[in-house]
Amino acid sequence: MKGFTLYQMLLASAKSRNLLELKLDLLNLKHTGILFFTEDILLLNPEERFEVYHCGSPGSIKFRNAFPIVKHEFINSKCNTENYTAFLKDKHFDYYQEEVSDDSIKLFQNCYMGQEYVWIYKDNC
């Protein structure tokens, strides 16, 4: 079962009073990089489950399809790191506290750049 629905988030939100406010709040948090999701939140059915990631912790999610990197670390690594794969593996471990193989880390081919965090994610996310 994937993550949450918008309805579940709305019920849990102390800030958002309606679905539109919730969607705008989620988009603003994604823009900063604090949250990450791949769905088009404006078109998403409120009852459809989707994966949502938070930069501070993976929480209790069972899927491992995205992980954050502080933006300045990511930019510096792209310029200064000879072994980008090792860098990604380290950041994956920092977030999930789990080792990942070279083959598995190669599945993370996509990048979303927020204002504060960059999210590395798989195609199927």
PDB file of N, CA and C in Angstrom:
ATOM      1  N   MET A   1       0.845  -1.174   0.000  1.00  0.00           N
ATOM      2  CA  MET A   1       0.000   0.000   0.000  1.00  0.00           C
ATOM      3  C   MET A   1       0.893   1.239   0.000  1.00  0.00           C
ATOM      4  N   LYS A   2       0.620   2.146  -0.905  1.00  0.00           N
ATOM      5  CA  LYS A   2       1.385   3.387  -1.007  1.00  0.00           C
ATOM      6  C   LYS A   2       0.907   4.401   0.014  1.00  0.00           C
ATOM      7  N   GLY A   3       1.827   5.154   0.568  1.00  0.00           N
ATOM      8  CA  GLY A   3       1.660   6.322   1.408  1.00  0.00           C
ATOM      9  C   GLY A   3       0.300   6.751   1.890  1.00  0.00           C
ATOM     10  N   PHE A   4      -0.068   7.960   1.536  1.00  0.00           N
ATOM     11  CA  PHE A   4      -1.245   8.622   2.081  1.00  0.00           C
ATOM     12  C   PHE A   4      -2.171   9.097   0.973  1.00  0.00           C
ATOM     13  N   THR A   5      -3.386   9.461   1.368  1.00  0.00           N
ATOM     14  CA  THR A   5      -4.303  10.142   0.457  1.00  0.00           C
ATOM     15  C   THR A   5      -4.373  11.615   0.881  1.00  0.00           C
ATOM     16  N   LEU A   6      -4.838  12.456  -0.013  1.00  0.00           N
ATOM     17  CA  LEU A   6      -5.018  13.865   0.335  1.00  0.00           C
ATOM     18  C   LEU A   6      -6.055  14.021   1.442  1.00  0.00           C
ATOM     19  N   TYR A   7      -7.092  13.187   1.415  1.00  0.00           N
ATOM     20  CA  TYR A   7      -8.102  13.257   2.473  1.00  0.00           C
ATOM     21  C   TYR A   7      -7.494  12.952   3.834  1.00  0.00           C
ATOM     22  N   GLN A   8      -6.629  11.938   3.904  1.00  0.00           N
ATOM     23  CA  GLN A   8      -5.968  11.614   5.169  1.00  0.00           C
ATOM     24  C   GLN A   8      -5.108  12.783   5.640  1.00  0.00           C
ATOM     25  N   MET A   9      -4.409  13.389   4.716  1.00  0.00           N
ATOM     26  CA  MET A   9      -3.553  14.525   5.072  1.00  0.00           C
ATOM     27  C   MET A   9      -4.380  15.715   5.545  1.00  0.00           C
ATOM     28  N   LEU A  10      -5.498  15.946   4.898  1.00  0.00           N
ATOM     29  CA  LEU A  10      -6.361  17.061   5.279  1.00  0.00           C
ATOM     30  C   LEU A  10      -6.892  16.870   6.696  1.00  0.00           C
ATOM     31  N   LEU A  11      -7.305  15.654   7.021  1.00  0.00           N
ATOM     32  CA  LEU A  11      -7.806  15.373   8.372  1.00  0.00           C
ATOM     33  C   LEU A  11      -6.718  15.559   9.424  1.00  0.00           C
ATOM     34  N   ALA A  12      -5.474  15.266   9.074  1.00  0.00           N
ATOM     35  CA  ALA A  12      -4.362  15.374  10.023  1.00  0.00           C
ATOM     36  C   ALA A  12      -3.768  16.779  10.090  1.00  0.00           C
ATOM     37  N   SER A  13      -4.136  17.636   9.158  1.00  0.00           N
ATOM     38  CA  SER A  13      -3.524  18.960   9.071  1.00  0.00           C
ATOM     39  C   SER A  13      -4.159  19.938  10.055  1.00  0.00           C
ATOM     40  N   ALA A  14      -3.304  20.635  10.779  1.00  0.00           N
ATOM     41  CA  ALA A  14      -3.785  21.688  11.666  1.00  0.00           C
ATOM     42  C   ALA A  14      -3.853  23.024  10.921  1.00  0.00           C
ATOM     43  N   LYS A  15      -3.195  23.099   9.767  1.00  0.00           N
ATOM     44  CA  LYS A  15      -3.092  24.356   9.028  1.00  0.00           C
ATOM     45  C   LYS A  15      -4.098  24.466   7.886  1.00  0.00           C
ATOM     46  N   SER A  16      -4.176  23.437   7.067  1.00  0.00           N
ATOM     47  CA  SER A  16      -5.017  23.484   5.865  1.00  0.00           C
ATOM     48  C   SER A  16      -6.482  23.276   6.229  1.00  0.00           C
ATOM     49  N   ARG A  17      -7.330  24.177   5.736  1.00  0.00           N
ATOM     50  CA  ARG A  17      -8.757  24.099   6.049  1.00  0.00           C
ATOM     51  C   ARG A  17      -9.570  23.400   4.970  1.00  0.00           C
ATOM     52  N   ASN A  18      -8.991  23.300   3.766  1.00  0.00           N
ATOM     53  CA  ASN A  18      -9.702  22.631   2.682  1.00  0.00           C
ATOM     54  C   ASN A  18      -8.677  22.006   1.735  1.00  0.00           C
ATOM     55  N   LEU A  19      -9.170  21.290   0.750  1.00  0.00           N
ATOM     56  CA  LEU A  19      -8.302  20.554  -0.165  1.00  0.00           C
ATOM     57  C   LEU A  19      -7.385  21.479  -0.967  1.00  0.00           C
ATOM     58  N   LEU A  20      -7.901  22.604  -1.416  1.00  0.00           N
ATOM     59  CA  LEU A  20      -7.085  23.542  -2.186  1.00  0.00           C
ATOM     60  C   LEU A  20      -5.929  24.080  -1.345  1.00  0.00           C
ATOM     61  N   GLU A  21      -6.208  24.478  -0.110  1.00  0.00           N
ATOM     62  CA  GLU A  21      -5.143  24.961   0.779  1.00  0.00           C
ATOM     63  C   GLU A  21      -4.103  23.876   1.020  1.00  0.00           C
ATOM     64  N   LEU A  22      -4.558  22.646   1.219  1.00  0.00           N
ATOM     65  CA  LEU A  22      -3.634  21.534   1.432  1.00  0.00           C
ATOM     66  C   LEU A  22      -2.727  21.349   0.223  1.00  0.00           C
ATOM     67  N   LYS A  23      -3.306  21.368  -0.960  1.00  0.00           N
ATOM     68  CA  LYS A  23      -2.506  21.199  -2.175  1.00  0.00           C
ATOM     69  C   LYS A  23      -1.476  22.315  -2.317  1.00  0.00           C
ATOM     70  N   LEU A  24      -1.870  23.542  -2.030  1.00  0.00           N
ATOM     71  CA  LEU A  24      -0.927  24.665  -2.107  1.00  0.00           C
ATOM     72  C   LEU A  24       0.178  24.532  -1.062  1.00  0.00           C
ATOM     73  N   ASP A  25      -0.187  24.103   0.144  1.00  0.00           N
ATOM     74  CA  ASP A  25       0.818  23.883   1.186  1.00  0.00           C
ATOM     75  C   ASP A  25       1.805  22.801   0.763  1.00  0.00           C
ATOM     76  N   LEU A  26       1.297  21.711   0.202  1.00  0.00           N
ATOM     77  CA  LEU A  26       2.170  20.627  -0.251  1.00  0.00           C
ATOM     78  C   LEU A  26       3.092  21.094  -1.373  1.00  0.00           C
ATOM     79  N   LEU A  27       2.554  21.863  -2.314  1.00  0.00           N
ATOM     80  CA  LEU A  27       3.388  22.387  -3.404  1.00  0.00           C
ATOM     81  C   LEU A  27       4.480  23.325  -2.886  1.00  0.00           C
ATOM     82  N   ASN A  28       4.145  24.158  -1.913  1.00  0.00           N
ATOM     83  CA  ASN A  28       5.148  25.057  -1.334  1.00  0.00           C
ATOM     84  C   ASN A  28       6.245  24.274  -0.621  1.00  0.00           C
ATOM     85  N   LEU A  29       5.861  23.231   0.109  1.00  0.00           N
ATOM     86  CA  LEU A  29       6.850  22.399   0.798  1.00  0.00           C
ATOM     87  C   LEU A  29       7.710  21.625  -0.195  1.00  0.00           C
ATOM     88  N   LYS A  30       7.114  21.200  -1.309  1.00  0.00           N
ATOM     89  CA  LYS A  30       7.902  20.525  -2.341  1.00  0.00           C
ATOM     90  C   LYS A  30       8.880  21.510  -2.976  1.00  0.00           C
ATOM     91  N   HIS A  31       8.439  22.725  -3.210  1.00  0.00           N
ATOM     92  CA  HIS A  31       9.298  23.743  -3.826  1.00  0.00           C
ATOM     93  C   HIS A  31      10.563  23.981  -2.991  1.00  0.00           C
ATOM     94  N   THR A  32      10.428  23.960  -1.679  1.00  0.00           N
ATOM     95  CA  THR A  32      11.608  24.133  -0.821  1.00  0.00           C
ATOM     96  C   THR A  32      12.452  22.865  -0.781  1.00  0.00           C
ATOM     97  N   GLY A  33      11.821  21.720  -1.050  1.00  0.00           N
ATOM     98  CA  GLY A  33      12.518  20.444  -0.967  1.00  0.00           C
ATOM     99  C   GLY A  33      12.283  19.738   0.353  1.00  0.00           C
ATOM    100  N   ILE A  34      11.518  20.331   1.237  1.00  0.00           N
ATOM    101  CA  ILE A  34      11.229  19.697   2.524  1.00  0.00           C
ATOM    102  C   ILE A  34      10.402  18.437   2.314  1.00  0.00           C
ATOM    103  N   LEU A  35       9.438  18.496   1.400  1.00  0.00           N
ATOM    104  CA  LEU A  35       8.666  17.313   1.002  1.00  0.00           C
ATOM    105  C   LEU A  35       8.993  16.978  -0.441  1.00  0.00           C
ATOM    106  N   PHE A  36       8.778  15.706  -0.776  1.00  0.00           N
ATOM    107  CA  PHE A  36       8.953  15.283  -2.161  1.00  0.00           C
ATOM    108  C   PHE A  36       7.877  14.274  -2.534  1.00  0.00           C
ATOM    109  N   PHE A  37       7.315  14.456  -3.726  1.00  0.00           N
ATOM    110  CA  PHE A  37       6.375  13.511  -4.332  1.00  0.00           C
ATOM    111  C   PHE A  37       6.446  13.745  -5.833  1.00  0.00           C
ATOM    112  N   THR A  38       6.084  12.735  -6.611  1.00  0.00           N
ATOM    113  CA  THR A  38       6.167  12.875  -8.068  1.00  0.00           C
ATOM    114  C   THR A  38       4.816  13.159  -8.712  1.00  0.00           C
ATOM    115  N   GLU A  39       3.743  12.907  -8.015  1.00  0.00           N
ATOM    116  CA  GLU A  39       2.418  13.102  -8.586  1.00  0.00           C
ATOM    117  C   GLU A  39       2.131  14.580  -8.852  1.00  0.00           C
ATOM    118  N   ASP A  40       1.289  14.836  -9.848  1.00  0.00           N
ATOM    119  CA  ASP A  40       0.783  16.184 -10.081  1.00  0.00           C
ATOM    120  C   ASP A  40      -0.319  16.404  -9.054  1.00  0.00           C
ATOM    121  N   ILE A  41       0.028  17.053  -7.981  1.00  0.00           N
ATOM    122  CA  ILE A  41      -0.853  17.177  -6.824  1.00  0.00           C
ATOM    123  C   ILE A  41      -2.150  17.914  -7.161  1.00  0.00           C
ATOM    124  N   LEU A  42      -2.110  18.810  -8.137  1.00  0.00           N
ATOM    125  CA  LEU A  42      -3.315  19.563  -8.491  1.00  0.00           C
ATOM    126  C   LEU A  42      -4.345  18.694  -9.198  1.00  0.00           C
ATOM    127  N   LEU A  43      -3.891  17.640  -9.871  1.00  0.00           N
ATOM    128  CA  LEU A  43      -4.798  16.748 -10.596  1.00  0.00           C
ATOM    129  C   LEU A  43      -5.089  15.450  -9.854  1.00  0.00           C
ATOM    130  N   LEU A  44      -4.432  15.244  -8.731  1.00  0.00           N
ATOM    131  CA  LEU A  44      -4.543  13.987  -8.001  1.00  0.00           C
ATOM    132  C   LEU A  44      -5.925  13.817  -7.377  1.00  0.00           C
ATOM    133  N   ASN A  45      -6.506  12.646  -7.561  1.00  0.00           N
ATOM    134  CA  ASN A  45      -7.759  12.298  -6.905  1.00  0.00           C
ATOM    135  C   ASN A  45      -7.517  12.285  -5.394  1.00  0.00           C
ATOM    136  N   PRO A  46      -8.362  12.944  -4.601  1.00  0.00           N
ATOM    137  CA  PRO A  46      -8.143  13.025  -3.154  1.00  0.00           C
ATOM    138  C   PRO A  46      -8.130  11.668  -2.440  1.00  0.00           C
ATOM    139  N   GLU A  47      -8.664  10.630  -3.084  1.00  0.00           N
ATOM    140  CA  GLU A  47      -8.693   9.304  -2.462  1.00  0.00           C
ATOM    141  C   GLU A  47      -7.556   8.410  -2.942  1.00  0.00           C
ATOM    142  N   GLU A  48      -6.749   8.888  -3.891  1.00  0.00           N
ATOM    143  CA  GLU A  48      -5.647   8.091  -4.424  1.00  0.00           C
ATOM    144  C   GLU A  48      -4.432   8.187  -3.501  1.00  0.00           C
ATOM    145  N   ARG A  49      -3.859   7.036  -3.191  1.00  0.00           N
ATOM    146  CA  ARG A  49      -2.656   7.001  -2.350  1.00  0.00           C
ATOM    147  C   ARG A  49      -1.431   7.371  -3.177  1.00  0.00           C
ATOM    148  N   PHE A  50      -0.498   8.083  -2.542  1.00  0.00           N
ATOM    149  CA  PHE A  50       0.749   8.438  -3.218  1.00  0.00           C
ATOM    150  C   PHE A  50       1.876   8.504  -2.197  1.00  0.00           C
ATOM    151  N   GLU A  51       3.098   8.372  -2.704  1.00  0.00           N
ATOM    152  CA  GLU A  51       4.277   8.401  -1.852  1.00  0.00           C
ATOM    153  C   GLU A  51       4.665   9.840  -1.557  1.00  0.00           C
ATOM    154  N   VAL A  52       4.882  10.128  -0.274  1.00  0.00           N
ATOM    155  CA  VAL A  52       5.341  11.442   0.162  1.00  0.00           C
ATOM    156  C   VAL A  52       6.561  11.221   1.051  1.00  0.00           C
ATOM    157  N   TYR A  53       7.619  11.944   0.753  1.00  0.00           N
ATOM    158  CA  TYR A  53       8.856  11.827   1.517  1.00  0.00           C
ATOM    159  C   TYR A  53       9.148  13.145   2.222  1.00  0.00           C
ATOM    160  N   HIS A  54       9.698  13.065   3.433  1.00  0.00           N
ATOM    161  CA  HIS A  54      10.096  14.241   4.205  1.00  0.00           C
ATOM    162  C   HIS A  54      11.610  14.244   4.351  1.00  0.00           C
ATOM    163  N   CYS A  55      12.221  15.406   4.214  1.00  0.00           N
ATOM    164  CA  CYS A  55      13.688  15.498   4.231  1.00  0.00           C
ATOM    165  C   CYS A  55      14.302  15.086   5.565  1.00  0.00           C
ATOM    166  N   GLY A  56      13.549  15.211   6.644  1.00  0.00           N
ATOM    167  CA  GLY A  56      14.107  14.934   7.962  1.00  0.00           C
ATOM    168  C   GLY A  56      14.190  13.475   8.334  1.00  0.00           C
ATOM    169  N   SER A  57      13.296  12.665   7.767  1.00  0.00           N
ATOM    170  CA  SER A  57      13.238  11.261   8.159  1.00  0.00           C
ATOM    171  C   SER A  57      12.353  10.496   7.189  1.00  0.00           C
ATOM    172  N   PRO A  58      12.716   9.235   6.921  1.00  0.00           N
ATOM    173  CA  PRO A  58      11.830   8.434   6.081  1.00  0.00           C
ATOM    174  C   PRO A  58      10.593   7.962   6.838  1.00  0.00           C
ATOM    175  N   GLY A  59      10.567   8.162   8.138  1.00  0.00           N
ATOM    176  CA  GLY A  59       9.433   7.707   8.925  1.00  0.00           C
ATOM    177  C   GLY A  59       9.321   6.202   8.876  1.00  0.00           C
ATOM    178  N   SER A  60       8.119   5.718   8.809  1.00  0.00           N
ATOM    179  CA  SER A  60       7.899   4.268   8.815  1.00  0.00           C
ATOM    180  C   SER A  60       7.543   3.731   7.431  1.00  0.00           C
ATOM    181  N   ILE A  61       7.835   4.499   6.389  1.00  0.00           N
ATOM    182  CA  ILE A  61       7.488   4.051   5.041  1.00  0.00           C
ATOM    183  C   ILE A  61       8.257   2.790   4.671  1.00  0.00           C
ATOM    184  N   LYS A  62       7.621   1.949   3.902  1.00  0.00           N
ATOM    185  CA  LYS A  62       8.236   0.691   3.500  1.00  0.00           C
ATOM    186  C   LYS A  62       8.963   0.816   2.161  1.00  0.00           C
ATOM    187  N   PHE A  63       8.580   1.778   1.342  1.00  0.00           N
ATOM    188  CA  PHE A  63       9.220   1.939   0.045  1.00  0.00           C
ATOM    189  C   PHE A  63      10.469   2.801   0.183  1.00  0.00           C
ATOM    190  N   ARG A  64      11.390   2.617  -0.733  1.00  0.00           N
ATOM    191  CA  ARG A  64      12.688   3.303  -0.706  1.00  0.00           C
ATOM    192  C   ARG A  64      12.983   3.852  -2.101  1.00  0.00           C
ATOM    193  N   ASN A  65      12.159   4.774  -2.560  1.00  0.00           N
ATOM    194  CA  ASN A  65      12.248   5.248  -3.942  1.00  0.00           C
ATOM    195  C   ASN A  65      12.835   6.642  -4.100  1.00  0.00           C
ATOM    196  N   ALA A  66      13.150   7.310  -2.986  1.00  0.00           N
ATOM    197  CA  ALA A  66      13.705   8.660  -3.064  1.00  0.00           C
ATOM    198  C   ALA A  66      14.462   8.970  -1.778  1.00  0.00           C
ATOM    199  N   PHE A  67      15.461   9.837  -1.904  1.00  0.00           N
ATOM    200  CA  PHE A  67      16.173  10.305  -0.715  1.00  0.00           C
ATOM    201  C   PHE A  67      16.694  11.720  -0.969  1.00  0.00           C
ATOM    202  N   PRO A  68      16.806  12.523   0.115  1.00  0.00           N
ATOM    203  CA  PRO A  68      17.217  13.922  -0.030  1.00  0.00           C
ATOM    204  C   PRO A  68      18.721  14.108   0.156  1.00  0.00           C
ATOM    205  N   ILE A  69      19.208  15.182  -0.424  1.00  0.00           N
ATOM    206  CA  ILE A  69      20.575  15.641  -0.210  1.00  0.00           C
ATOM    207  C   ILE A  69      20.491  17.157  -0.047  1.00  0.00           C
ATOM    208  N   VAL A  70      21.175  17.684   0.950  1.00  0.00           N
ATOM    209  CA  VAL A  70      21.215  19.139   1.114  1.00  0.00           C
ATOM    210  C   VAL A  70      21.754  19.736  -0.189  1.00  0.00           C
ATOM    211  N   LYS A  71      21.097  20.770  -0.675  1.00  0.00           N
ATOM    212  CA  LYS A  71      21.382  21.290  -2.014  1.00  0.00           C
ATOM    213  C   LYS A  71      22.852  21.665  -2.220  1.00  0.00           C
ATOM    214  N   HIS A  72      23.449  22.374  -1.267  1.00  0.00           N
ATOM    215  CA  HIS A  72      24.845  22.784  -1.474  1.00  0.00           C
ATOM    216  C   HIS A  72      25.784  21.577  -1.487  1.00  0.00           C
ATOM    217  N   GLU A  73      25.468  20.515  -0.722  1.00  0.00           N
ATOM    218  CA  GLU A  73      26.279  19.293  -0.764  1.00  0.00           C
ATOM    219  C   GLU A  73      26.171  18.628  -2.134  1.00  0.00           C
ATOM    220  N   PHE A  74      24.969  18.603  -2.675  1.00  0.00           N
ATOM    221  CA  PHE A  74      24.756  17.996  -3.986  1.00  0.00           C
ATOM    222  C   PHE A  74      25.536  18.753  -5.067  1.00  0.00           C
ATOM    223  N   ILE A  75      25.435  20.063  -5.042  1.00  0.00           N
ATOM    224  CA  ILE A  75      26.128  20.872  -6.051  1.00  0.00           C
ATOM    225  C   ILE A  75      27.637  20.701  -5.928  1.00  0.00           C
ATOM    226  N   ASN A  76      28.153  20.725  -4.704  1.00  0.00           N
ATOM    227  CA  ASN A  76      29.593  20.525  -4.499  1.00  0.00           C
ATOM    228  C   ASN A  76      30.029  19.138  -4.941  1.00  0.00           C
ATOM    229  N   SER A  77      29.206  18.132  -4.697  1.00  0.00           N
ATOM    230  CA  SER A  77      29.584  16.759  -5.066  1.00  0.00           C
ATOM    231  C   SER A  77      29.639  16.597  -6.578  1.00  0.00           C
ATOM    232  N   LYS A  78      28.713  17.228  -7.281  1.00  0.00           N
ATOM    233  CA  LYS A  78      28.713  17.130  -8.744  1.00  0.00           C
ATOM    234  C   LYS A  78      29.976  17.764  -9.319  1.00  0.00           C
ATOM    235  N   CYS A  79      30.500  18.769  -8.635  1.00  0.00           N
ATOM    236  CA  CYS A  79      31.699  19.458  -9.117  1.00  0.00           C
ATOM    237  C   CYS A  79      32.989  18.811  -8.613  1.00  0.00           C
ATOM    238  N   ASN A  80      32.952  18.226  -7.412  1.00  0.00           N
ATOM    239  CA  ASN A  80      34.188  17.813  -6.757  1.00  0.00           C
ATOM    240  C   ASN A  80      34.333  16.317  -6.494  1.00  0.00           C
ATOM    241  N   THR A  81      33.294  15.551  -6.625  1.00  0.00           N
ATOM    242  CA  THR A  81      33.372  14.146  -6.263  1.00  0.00           C
ATOM    243  C   THR A  81      33.716  13.299  -7.472  1.00  0.00           C
ATOM    244  N   GLU A  82      34.806  12.557  -7.352  1.00  0.00           N
ATOM    245  CA  GLU A  82      35.199  11.661  -8.437  1.00  0.00           C
ATOM    246  C   GLU A  82      34.263  10.464  -8.514  1.00  0.00           C
ATOM    247  N   ASN A  83      33.828   9.987  -7.354  1.00  0.00           N
ATOM    248  CA  ASN A  83      32.973   8.810  -7.336  1.00  0.00           C
ATOM    249  C   ASN A  83      31.556   9.203  -6.912  1.00  0.00           C
ATOM    250  N   TYR A  84      30.769   9.625  -7.870  1.00  0.00           N
ATOM    251  CA  TYR A  84      29.401  10.072  -7.603  1.00  0.00           C
ATOM    252  C   TYR A  84      28.541   8.938  -7.047  1.00  0.00           C
ATOM    253  N   THR A  85      28.767   7.714  -7.509  1.00  0.00           N
ATOM    254  CA  THR A  85      28.002   6.563  -7.013  1.00  0.00           C
ATOM    255  C   THR A  85      28.227   6.370  -5.522  1.00  0.00           C
ATOM    256  N   ALA A  86      29.454   6.459  -5.069  1.00  0.00           N
ATOM    257  CA  ALA A  86      29.755   6.316  -3.639  1.00  0.00           C
ATOM    258  C   ALA A  86      29.091   7.436  -2.839  1.00  0.00           C
ATOM    259  N   PHE A  87      29.085   8.644  -3.385  1.00  0.00           N
ATOM    260  CA  PHE A  87      28.431   9.771  -2.727  1.00  0.00           C
ATOM    261  C   PHE A  87      26.939   9.492  -2.557  1.00  0.00           C
ATOM    262  N   LEU A  88      26.283   9.015  -3.623  1.00  0.00           N
ATOM    263  CA  LEU A  88      24.853   8.705  -3.541  1.00  0.00           C
ATOM    264  C   LEU A  88      24.587   7.587  -2.542  1.00  0.00           C
ATOM    265  N   LYS A  89      25.425   6.572  -2.543  1.00  0.00           N
ATOM    266  CA  LYS A  89      25.261   5.472  -1.585  1.00  0.00           C
ATOM    267  C   LYS A  89      25.365   5.976  -0.145  1.00  0.00           C
ATOM    268  N   ASP A  90      26.301   6.876   0.106  1.00  0.00           N
ATOM    269  CA  ASP A  90      26.447   7.453   1.449  1.00  0.00           C
ATOM    270  C   ASP A  90      25.203   8.238   1.851  1.00  0.00           C
ATOM    271  N   LYS A  91      24.669   9.025   0.933  1.00  0.00           N
ATOM    272  CA  LYS A  91      23.476   9.831   1.236  1.00  0.00           C
ATOM    273  C   LYS A  91      22.240   8.949   1.421  1.00  0.00           C
ATOM    274  N   HIS A  92      22.142   7.888   0.637  1.00  0.00           N
ATOM    275  CA  HIS A  92      21.051   6.925   0.811  1.00  0.00           C
ATOM    276  C   HIS A  92      21.145   6.303   2.203  1.00  0.00           C
ATOM    277  N   PHE A  93      22.349   5.916   2.607  1.00  0.00           N
ATOM    278  CA  PHE A  93      22.542   5.335   3.940  1.00  0.00           C
ATOM    279  C   PHE A  93      22.204   6.348   5.033  1.00  0.00           C
ATOM    280  N   ASP A  94      22.630   7.603   4.865  1.00  0.00           N
ATOM    281  CA  ASP A  94      22.326   8.637   5.857  1.00  0.00           C
ATOM    282  C   ASP A  94      20.823   8.766   6.087  1.00  0.00           C
ATOM    283  N   TYR A  95      20.045   8.638   5.036  1.00  0.00           N
ATOM    284  CA  TYR A  95      18.592   8.815   5.134  1.00  0.00           C
ATOM    285  C   TYR A  95      17.890   7.563   5.653  1.00  0.00           C
ATOM    286  N   TYR A  96      18.207   6.409   5.079  1.00  0.00           N
ATOM    287  CA  TYR A  96      17.491   5.179   5.420  1.00  0.00           C
ATOM    288  C   TYR A  96      18.195   4.307   6.453  1.00  0.00           C
ATOM    289  N   GLN A  97      19.462   4.585   6.741  1.00  0.00           N
ATOM    290  CA  GLN A  97      20.248   3.747   7.644  1.00  0.00           C
ATOM    291  C   GLN A  97      20.303   2.306   7.154  1.00  0.00           C
ATOM    292  N   GLU A  98      20.368   2.157   5.840  1.00  0.00           N
ATOM    293  CA  GLU A  98      20.471   0.850   5.184  1.00  0.00           C
ATOM    294  C   GLU A  98      21.501   0.940   4.068  1.00  0.00           C
ATOM    295  N   GLU A  99      22.307  -0.101   3.964  1.00  0.00           N
ATOM    296  CA  GLU A  99      23.254  -0.183   2.856  1.00  0.00           C
ATOM    297  C   GLU A  99      22.478  -0.411   1.555  1.00  0.00           C
ATOM    298  N   VAL A 100      23.037   0.055   0.459  1.00  0.00           N
ATOM    299  CA  VAL A 100      22.437  -0.156  -0.856  1.00  0.00           C
ATOM    300  C   VAL A 100      23.558  -0.573  -1.810  1.00  0.00           C
ATOM    301  N   SER A 101      23.255  -1.496  -2.689  1.00  0.00           N
ATOM    302  CA  SER A 101      24.267  -2.001  -3.623  1.00  0.00           C
ATOM    303  C   SER A 101      24.509  -1.002  -4.755  1.00  0.00           C
ATOM    304  N   ASP A 102      25.632  -1.185  -5.446  1.00  0.00           N
ATOM    305  CA  ASP A 102      25.924  -0.342  -6.611  1.00  0.00           C
ATOM    306  C   ASP A 102      24.833  -0.479  -7.668  1.00  0.00           C
ATOM    307  N   ASP A 103      24.359  -1.713  -7.884  1.00  0.00           N
ATOM    308  CA  ASP A 103      23.297  -1.934  -8.873  1.00  0.00           C
ATOM    309  C   ASP A 103      22.008  -1.224  -8.472  1.00  0.00           C
ATOM    310  N   SER A 104      21.671  -1.271  -7.189  1.00  0.00           N
ATOM    311  CA  SER A 104      20.437  -0.626  -6.722  1.00  0.00           C
ATOM    312  C   SER A 104      20.521   0.892  -6.810  1.00  0.00           C
ATOM    313  N   ILE A 105      21.675   1.455  -6.471  1.00  0.00           N
ATOM    314  CA  ILE A 105      21.793   2.920  -6.498  1.00  0.00           C
ATOM    315  C   ILE A 105      21.725   3.443  -7.927  1.00  0.00           C
ATOM    316  N   LYS A 106      22.067   2.619  -8.888  1.00  0.00           N
ATOM    317  CA  LYS A 106      21.991   3.037 -10.297  1.00  0.00           C
ATOM    318  C   LYS A 106      20.548   3.214 -10.769  1.00  0.00           C
ATOM    319  N   LEU A 107      19.589   2.676 -10.016  1.00  0.00           N
ATOM    320  CA  LEU A 107      18.177   2.855 -10.358  1.00  0.00           C
ATOM    321  C   LEU A 107      17.700   4.279 -10.057  1.00  0.00           C
ATOM    322  N   PHE A 108      18.453   4.995  -9.238  1.00  0.00           N
ATOM    323  CA  PHE A 108      18.102   6.369  -8.875  1.00  0.00           C
ATOM    324  C   PHE A 108      18.676   7.313  -9.933  1.00  0.00           C
ATOM    325  N   GLN A 109      17.940   7.488 -11.016  1.00  0.00           N
ATOM    326  CA  GLN A 109      18.417   8.248 -12.172  1.00  0.00           C
ATOM    327  C   GLN A 109      17.834   9.653 -12.266  1.00  0.00           C
ATOM    328  N   ASN A 110      16.896   9.986 -11.407  1.00  0.00           N
ATOM    329  CA  ASN A 110      16.190  11.261 -11.523  1.00  0.00           C
ATOM    330  C   ASN A 110      16.540  12.189 -10.373  1.00  0.00           C
ATOM    331  N   CYS A 111      16.345  13.472 -10.633  1.00  0.00           N
ATOM    332  CA  CYS A 111      16.712  14.484  -9.651  1.00  0.00           C
ATOM    333  C   CYS A 111      15.651  15.588  -9.647  1.00  0.00           C
ATOM    334  N   TYR A 112      15.198  15.960  -8.461  1.00  0.00           N
ATOM    335  CA  TYR A 112      14.325  17.124  -8.302  1.00  0.00           C
ATOM    336  C   TYR A 112      15.077  18.118  -7.421  1.00  0.00           C
ATOM    337  N   MET A 113      15.256  19.344  -7.895  1.00  0.00           N
ATOM    338  CA  MET A 113      16.013  20.327  -7.145  1.00  0.00           C
ATOM    339  C   MET A 113      15.075  21.344  -6.512  1.00  0.00           C
ATOM    340  N   GLY A 114      14.951  21.265  -5.190  1.00  0.00           N
ATOM    341  CA  GLY A 114      14.192  22.249  -4.444  1.00  0.00           C
ATOM    342  C   GLY A 114      15.111  23.376  -3.993  1.00  0.00           C
ATOM    343  N   GLN A 115      14.573  24.326  -3.263  1.00  0.00           N
ATOM    344  CA  GLN A 115      15.377  25.455  -2.797  1.00  0.00           C
ATOM    345  C   GLN A 115      16.421  25.031  -1.770  1.00  0.00           C
ATOM    346  N   GLU A 116      16.071  24.067  -0.899  1.00  0.00           N
ATOM    347  CA  GLU A 116      16.976  23.657   0.174  1.00  0.00           C
ATOM    348  C   GLU A 116      17.513  22.242   0.001  1.00  0.00           C
ATOM    349  N   TYR A 117      16.727  21.373  -0.607  1.00  0.00           N
ATOM    350  CA  TYR A 117      17.101  19.967  -0.768  1.00  0.00           C
ATOM    351  C   TYR A 117      16.934  19.523  -2.209  1.00  0.00           C
ATOM    352  N   VAL A 118      17.793  18.597  -2.590  1.00  0.00           N
ATOM    353  CA  VAL A 118      17.691  17.916  -3.876  1.00  0.00           C
ATOM    354  C   VAL A 118      17.227  16.500  -3.566  1.00  0.00           C
ATOM    355  N   TRP A 119      16.268  16.009  -4.333  1.00  0.00           N
ATOM    356  CA  TRP A 119      15.769  14.646  -4.153  1.00  0.00           C
ATOM    357  C   TRP A 119      16.232  13.789  -5.316  1.00  0.00           C
ATOM    358  N   ILE A 120      16.838  12.661  -4.990  1.00  0.00           N
ATOM    359  CA  ILE A 120      17.254  11.679  -5.974  1.00  0.00           C
ATOM    360  C   ILE A 120      16.208  10.575  -5.919  1.00  0.00           C
ATOM    361  N   TYR A 121      15.655  10.197  -7.081  1.00  0.00           N
ATOM    362  CA  TYR A 121      14.563   9.229  -7.045  1.00  0.00           C
ATOM    363  C   TYR A 121      14.568   8.304  -8.252  1.00  0.00           C
ATOM    364  N   LYS A 122      13.841   7.200  -8.081  1.00  0.00           N
ATOM    365  CA  LYS A 122      13.700   6.191  -9.130  1.00  0.00           C
ATOM    366  C   LYS A 122      12.581   6.588 -10.083  1.00  0.00           C
ATOM    367  N   ASP A 123      12.611   6.008 -11.287  1.00  0.00           N
ATOM    368  CA  ASP A 123      11.554   6.262 -12.275  1.00  0.00           C
ATOM    369  C   ASP A 123      10.181   5.845 -11.775  1.00  0.00           C
ATOM    370  N   ASN A 124      10.106   4.756 -11.029  1.00  0.00           N
ATOM    371  CA  ASN A 124       8.806   4.224 -10.606  1.00  0.00           C
ATOM    372  C   ASN A 124       8.261   4.905  -9.366  1.00  0.00           C
ATOM    373  N   CYS A 125       8.881   5.960  -8.919  1.00  0.00           N
ATOM    374  CA  CYS A 125       8.461   6.648  -7.700  1.00  0.00           C
ATOM    375  C   CYS A 125       7.122   7.340  -7.923  1.00  0.00           C
TER     376      CYS A 125
END
